[in-house]
Amino acid sequence: MGQHVDTLDLRDPASLIRPLTYLWAWGEAGELPASDVLARPFWIGRESAVLRPRTDRGEGREPLAQDTMDPLIWWAVEFVERFSGDCLTALRWYHDNRARLDPHYAVGHDPAAATTWLASLTVHPRAGNGRDRRDVAYLTAISPGLPGRSIEAGLARLRRRSGTGLPPLAEDGSAKPLPVDCTARINDQPWLVPDFRHVAVRMTGRRRRHTSVLWNVLQGACAVVIGYLGAGTTTAGAAHPGPRLPHRRAP
């Protein structure tokens, strides 16, 4: 194993070694299925010779208060175990339809079909921030397989019609539901009504990253759980797993 790690040419082996150490420790503690238990890593007991010492002081070194950590980890675990399936279903739906939102996408281009479908709607979704225009991205995503350019062409045709033009705009802030089921519940009610605004990708930050609300929330919950599970330290040649997960359930 040591030879394989060396061939990876990692600038900082800690990025690989620490997660594997935590995973091995949890297997040793009986928290993993037997098929997932790792063999004892070669670096256990000689970490100082393998890992570079930290040069930064890090952040968040003060431990969280117990009355803060308990509900945080509880809901993070609940989110990962109970709600992640709905998140992934909604995100997968968006991913499957996202190509049609590209203005250059031309597969299935049919302005006539788009015009007929748009005219059949009772209201059209409004774009955000109170603007008096239609949400073309959402219309494209929920359309019967039409690309965005067809929706734009259909809207243009309806605007040119006299008498029977465009359907009215929905109220500002109206829901934009997704055609996916929400299976998880809290108090016998769906924990979330999937909305286009939860999954729509937007550009954020100086690095212009693609992100969506559900992705950010799911990623954050996973980070909390992984950080909690990785709270063990390596001492005297043995890794000690962090606290066990709480076994409570939300209502």
Protein backbone atom coordinates (compact mmCIF):
# COMPACT_ATOMS: atom_id res chain seq x y z
CA MET A 1 0.00 0.00 0.00
CA GLY A 2 2.85 2.37 0.82
CA GLN A 3 4.29 1.97 -2.65
CA HIS A 4 0.93 2.78 -4.20
CA VAL A 5 0.59 5.94 -2.07
CA ASP A 6 4.05 7.06 -3.16
CA THR A 7 3.15 6.66 -6.84
CA LEU A 8 0.25 9.10 -6.45
CA ASP A 9 2.80 11.93 -6.11
CA LEU A 10 0.59 13.82 -3.63
CA ARG A 11 1.81 17.18 -2.43
CA ASP A 12 0.06 16.52 0.86
CA PRO A 13 -0.67 12.81 1.52
CA ALA A 14 -2.93 13.86 4.41
CA SER A 15 -5.74 14.45 1.92
CA LEU A 16 -5.74 10.69 1.27
CA ILE A 17 -4.35 9.27 4.49
CA ARG A 18 -6.59 10.97 7.05
CA PRO A 19 -9.92 9.88 5.48
CA LEU A 20 -8.62 6.32 5.07
CA THR A 21 -7.44 6.29 8.68
CA TYR A 22 -10.87 7.38 9.91
CA LEU A 23 -12.56 4.78 7.71
CA TRP A 24 -10.27 2.03 9.02
CA ALA A 25 -10.88 3.15 12.62
CA TRP A 26 -14.64 2.97 12.20
CA GLY A 27 -14.30 -0.52 10.79
CA GLU A 28 -12.20 -1.51 13.82
CA ALA A 29 -14.90 -0.08 16.07
CA GLY A 30 -17.53 -2.31 14.46
CA GLU A 31 -19.40 0.56 12.82
CA LEU A 32 -19.03 -0.76 9.26
CA PRO A 33 -20.16 -3.96 7.50
CA ALA A 34 -17.49 -6.63 7.46
CA SER A 35 -17.12 -6.27 3.69
CA ASP A 36 -16.16 -2.59 4.12
CA VAL A 37 -13.54 -3.02 6.85
CA LEU A 38 -10.07 -1.99 5.67
CA ALA A 39 -6.80 -3.73 6.43
CA ARG A 40 -4.60 -1.95 8.96
CA PRO A 41 -2.90 0.93 7.06
CA PHE A 42 0.89 0.78 6.97
CA TRP A 43 1.25 4.33 8.34
CA ILE A 44 -0.47 3.68 11.66
CA GLY A 45 2.13 4.38 14.34
CA ARG A 46 4.43 6.39 12.13
CA GLU A 47 2.22 9.23 10.94
CA SER A 48 4.87 11.84 11.69
CA ALA A 49 7.13 10.25 9.07
CA VAL A 50 4.38 10.24 6.43
CA LEU A 51 2.38 13.38 7.06
CA ARG A 52 3.73 16.89 6.92
CA PRO A 53 3.17 18.91 10.08
CA ARG A 54 0.46 21.57 9.81
CA THR A 55 1.80 25.06 9.32
CA ASP A 56 -1.52 26.87 9.66
CA ARG A 57 -3.39 27.36 12.90
CA GLY A 58 -6.62 26.29 11.29
CA GLU A 59 -10.00 27.69 12.17
CA GLY A 60 -12.84 26.65 14.38
CA ARG A 61 -10.47 25.00 16.83
CA GLU A 62 -12.74 25.68 19.79
CA PRO A 63 -15.22 22.79 20.25
CA LEU A 64 -18.90 23.52 19.83
CA ALA A 65 -21.06 23.49 22.92
CA GLN A 66 -22.93 20.24 23.45
CA ASP A 67 -26.35 21.90 23.20
CA THR A 68 -25.27 23.28 19.82
CA MET A 69 -23.60 20.16 18.48
CA ASP A 70 -26.37 17.74 19.42
CA PRO A 71 -29.17 19.25 17.29
CA LEU A 72 -26.70 20.08 14.50
CA ILE A 73 -25.45 16.53 14.08
CA TRP A 74 -28.93 15.10 14.68
CA TRP A 75 -30.50 17.07 11.84
CA ALA A 76 -27.48 16.59 9.59
CA VAL A 77 -27.82 12.81 9.98
CA GLU A 78 -31.59 13.02 9.48
CA PHE A 79 -31.06 15.05 6.33
CA VAL A 80 -28.56 12.60 4.88
CA GLU A 81 -30.52 9.48 5.81
CA ARG A 82 -34.09 10.64 5.17
CA PHE A 83 -34.09 13.62 2.85
CA SER A 84 -31.10 13.05 0.57
CA GLY A 85 -33.10 10.69 -1.66
CA ASP A 86 -35.62 13.42 -2.48
CA CYS A 87 -32.79 15.92 -3.02
CA LEU A 88 -30.99 13.60 -5.41
CA THR A 89 -34.21 12.82 -7.30
CA ALA A 90 -34.91 16.53 -7.83
CA LEU A 91 -31.30 17.27 -8.77
CA ARG A 92 -31.26 14.33 -11.18
CA TRP A 93 -34.44 15.61 -12.83
CA TYR A 94 -32.83 19.00 -13.31
CA HIS A 95 -29.64 17.45 -14.64
CA ASP A 96 -31.60 15.37 -17.16
CA ASN A 97 -33.41 18.47 -18.47
CA ARG A 98 -30.66 21.03 -18.15
CA ALA A 99 -29.29 20.63 -21.68
CA ARG A 100 -32.57 21.93 -23.14
CA LEU A 101 -32.07 25.21 -21.26
CA ASP A 102 -29.02 26.03 -23.37
CA PRO A 103 -30.06 28.66 -25.96
CA HIS A 104 -27.94 26.84 -28.58
CA TYR A 105 -29.59 23.46 -27.97
CA ALA A 106 -31.64 22.56 -31.06
CA VAL A 107 -32.70 18.92 -30.61
CA GLY A 108 -36.49 18.70 -30.89
CA HIS A 109 -36.88 22.33 -31.97
CA ASP A 110 -40.58 22.83 -32.79
CA PRO A 111 -41.96 26.39 -32.50
CA ALA A 112 -45.47 25.29 -33.50
CA ALA A 113 -45.64 22.66 -30.73
CA ALA A 114 -44.24 25.18 -28.26
CA THR A 115 -46.88 27.74 -29.24
CA THR A 116 -49.70 25.24 -28.75
CA TRP A 117 -48.36 24.07 -25.38
CA LEU A 118 -47.73 27.59 -24.06
CA ALA A 119 -51.22 28.70 -25.06
CA SER A 120 -52.73 25.74 -23.16
CA LEU A 121 -51.33 26.91 -19.82
CA THR A 122 -53.63 28.87 -17.54
CA VAL A 123 -50.78 31.07 -16.27
CA HIS A 124 -47.12 31.49 -17.06
CA PRO A 125 -44.47 31.46 -14.33
CA ARG A 126 -42.91 34.81 -13.57
CA ALA A 127 -39.16 35.29 -13.52
CA GLY A 128 -37.70 36.24 -10.15
CA ASN A 129 -37.26 39.62 -8.48
CA GLY A 130 -40.73 40.81 -9.45
CA ARG A 131 -39.80 41.37 -13.08
CA ASP A 132 -42.64 41.42 -15.58
CA ARG A 133 -41.33 38.63 -17.75
CA ARG A 134 -41.78 34.91 -18.08
CA ASP A 135 -39.47 32.31 -16.61
CA VAL A 136 -38.29 30.72 -19.84
CA ALA A 137 -35.95 28.31 -18.04
CA TYR A 138 -38.76 26.84 -15.93
CA LEU A 139 -41.14 26.69 -18.90
CA THR A 140 -38.47 24.86 -20.87
CA ALA A 141 -37.75 22.40 -18.07
CA ILE A 142 -41.40 21.39 -17.60
CA SER A 143 -42.27 21.45 -21.30
CA PRO A 144 -42.84 18.19 -23.22
CA GLY A 145 -39.19 17.87 -24.30
CA LEU A 146 -38.93 21.22 -26.07
CA PRO A 147 -35.67 23.20 -26.12
CA GLY A 148 -35.43 26.75 -24.85
CA ARG A 149 -35.26 28.22 -28.35
CA SER A 150 -38.67 26.67 -29.10
CA ILE A 151 -40.15 28.23 -25.98
CA GLU A 152 -38.73 31.64 -26.95
CA ALA A 153 -40.14 31.26 -30.48
CA GLY A 154 -43.51 30.15 -29.14
CA LEU A 155 -43.71 33.13 -26.79
CA ALA A 156 -42.87 35.46 -29.67
CA ARG A 157 -45.67 33.97 -31.77
CA LEU A 158 -48.19 34.36 -28.96
CA ARG A 159 -47.19 37.99 -28.47
CA ARG A 160 -47.96 38.68 -32.13
CA ARG A 161 -51.43 37.16 -31.91
CA SER A 162 -54.34 39.55 -31.59
CA GLY A 163 -57.03 38.85 -29.03
CA THR A 164 -55.80 35.46 -27.82
CA GLY A 165 -52.27 36.28 -26.85
CA LEU A 166 -50.16 35.24 -23.89
CA PRO A 167 -51.69 33.71 -20.76
CA PRO A 168 -51.37 35.95 -17.70
CA LEU A 169 -48.31 35.95 -15.47
CA ALA A 170 -48.43 34.15 -12.13
CA GLU A 171 -48.14 36.19 -8.95
CA ASP A 172 -44.63 37.12 -7.91
CA GLY A 173 -43.20 34.40 -5.68
CA SER A 174 -45.64 31.72 -6.86
CA ALA A 175 -44.48 28.13 -6.58
CA LYS A 176 -42.71 26.45 -9.47
CA PRO A 177 -43.26 22.78 -8.64
CA LEU A 178 -41.25 19.95 -10.13
CA PRO A 179 -42.74 16.77 -11.60
CA VAL A 180 -41.04 14.61 -8.95
CA ASP A 181 -42.39 12.97 -5.81
CA CYS A 182 -41.33 13.90 -2.29
CA THR A 183 -41.30 10.70 -0.24
CA ALA A 184 -39.81 11.78 3.11
CA ARG A 185 -42.16 13.22 5.72
CA ILE A 186 -42.15 15.15 8.98
CA ASN A 187 -45.28 14.84 11.12
CA ASP A 188 -46.98 12.99 8.24
CA GLN A 189 -46.45 15.97 5.92
CA PRO A 190 -43.99 16.19 3.02
CA TRP A 191 -40.82 17.77 4.35
CA LEU A 192 -40.47 19.77 1.14
CA VAL A 193 -42.46 20.63 -1.97
CA PRO A 194 -39.75 20.41 -4.66
CA ASP A 195 -39.50 23.74 -6.46
CA PHE A 196 -37.53 24.77 -9.52
CA ARG A 197 -35.79 27.43 -7.45
CA HIS A 198 -34.37 24.67 -5.23
CA VAL A 199 -32.52 22.99 -8.09
CA ALA A 200 -31.88 25.70 -10.68
CA VAL A 201 -28.16 26.23 -11.11
CA ARG A 202 -26.84 29.74 -10.71
CA MET A 203 -23.37 31.23 -10.88
CA THR A 204 -21.88 32.38 -7.59
CA GLY A 205 -18.64 33.79 -6.27
CA ARG A 206 -15.55 35.08 -7.96
CA ARG A 207 -14.75 31.62 -9.26
CA ARG A 208 -18.14 31.53 -10.99
CA ARG A 209 -19.12 28.19 -9.54
CA HIS A 210 -22.31 26.42 -10.57
CA THR A 211 -24.48 25.83 -7.52
CA SER A 212 -28.06 25.18 -6.43
CA VAL A 213 -29.86 25.42 -3.11
CA LEU A 214 -30.54 21.71 -2.63
CA TRP A 215 -27.01 20.81 -3.66
CA ASN A 216 -25.55 23.27 -1.15
CA VAL A 217 -27.77 22.04 1.69
CA LEU A 218 -27.07 18.37 0.96
CA GLN A 219 -23.35 19.03 0.66
CA GLY A 220 -23.38 20.91 3.96
CA ALA A 221 -25.20 18.10 5.78
CA CYS A 222 -22.74 15.55 4.41
CA ALA A 223 -19.82 17.71 5.49
CA VAL A 224 -21.18 17.89 9.04
CA VAL A 225 -21.68 14.11 9.24
CA ILE A 226 -18.27 13.32 7.73
CA GLY A 227 -16.58 15.82 10.02
CA TYR A 228 -18.36 14.30 13.02
CA LEU A 229 -17.39 10.76 12.04
CA GLY A 230 -13.85 11.92 11.44
CA ALA A 231 -13.51 13.42 14.89
CA GLY A 232 -11.12 10.65 15.95
CA THR A 233 -7.43 11.17 16.56
CA THR A 234 -4.44 8.91 16.16
CA THR A 235 -2.56 8.31 19.36
CA ALA A 236 0.08 5.75 20.34
CA GLY A 237 -0.26 3.96 17.04
CA ALA A 238 -4.03 3.45 17.16
CA ALA A 239 -6.81 5.51 15.68
CA HIS A 240 -9.77 6.22 17.91
CA PRO A 241 -13.11 6.88 16.23
CA GLY A 242 -15.11 9.91 17.19
CA PRO A 243 -18.53 9.91 18.82
CA ARG A 244 -21.18 7.51 17.63
CA LEU A 245 -24.08 8.82 15.62
CA PRO A 246 -27.24 9.69 17.55
CA HIS A 247 -29.99 7.15 17.10
CA ARG A 248 -32.94 9.51 17.38
CA ARG A 249 -35.49 10.10 14.67
CA ALA A 250 -37.25 13.28 13.66
CA PRO A 251 -41.05 13.27 14.03
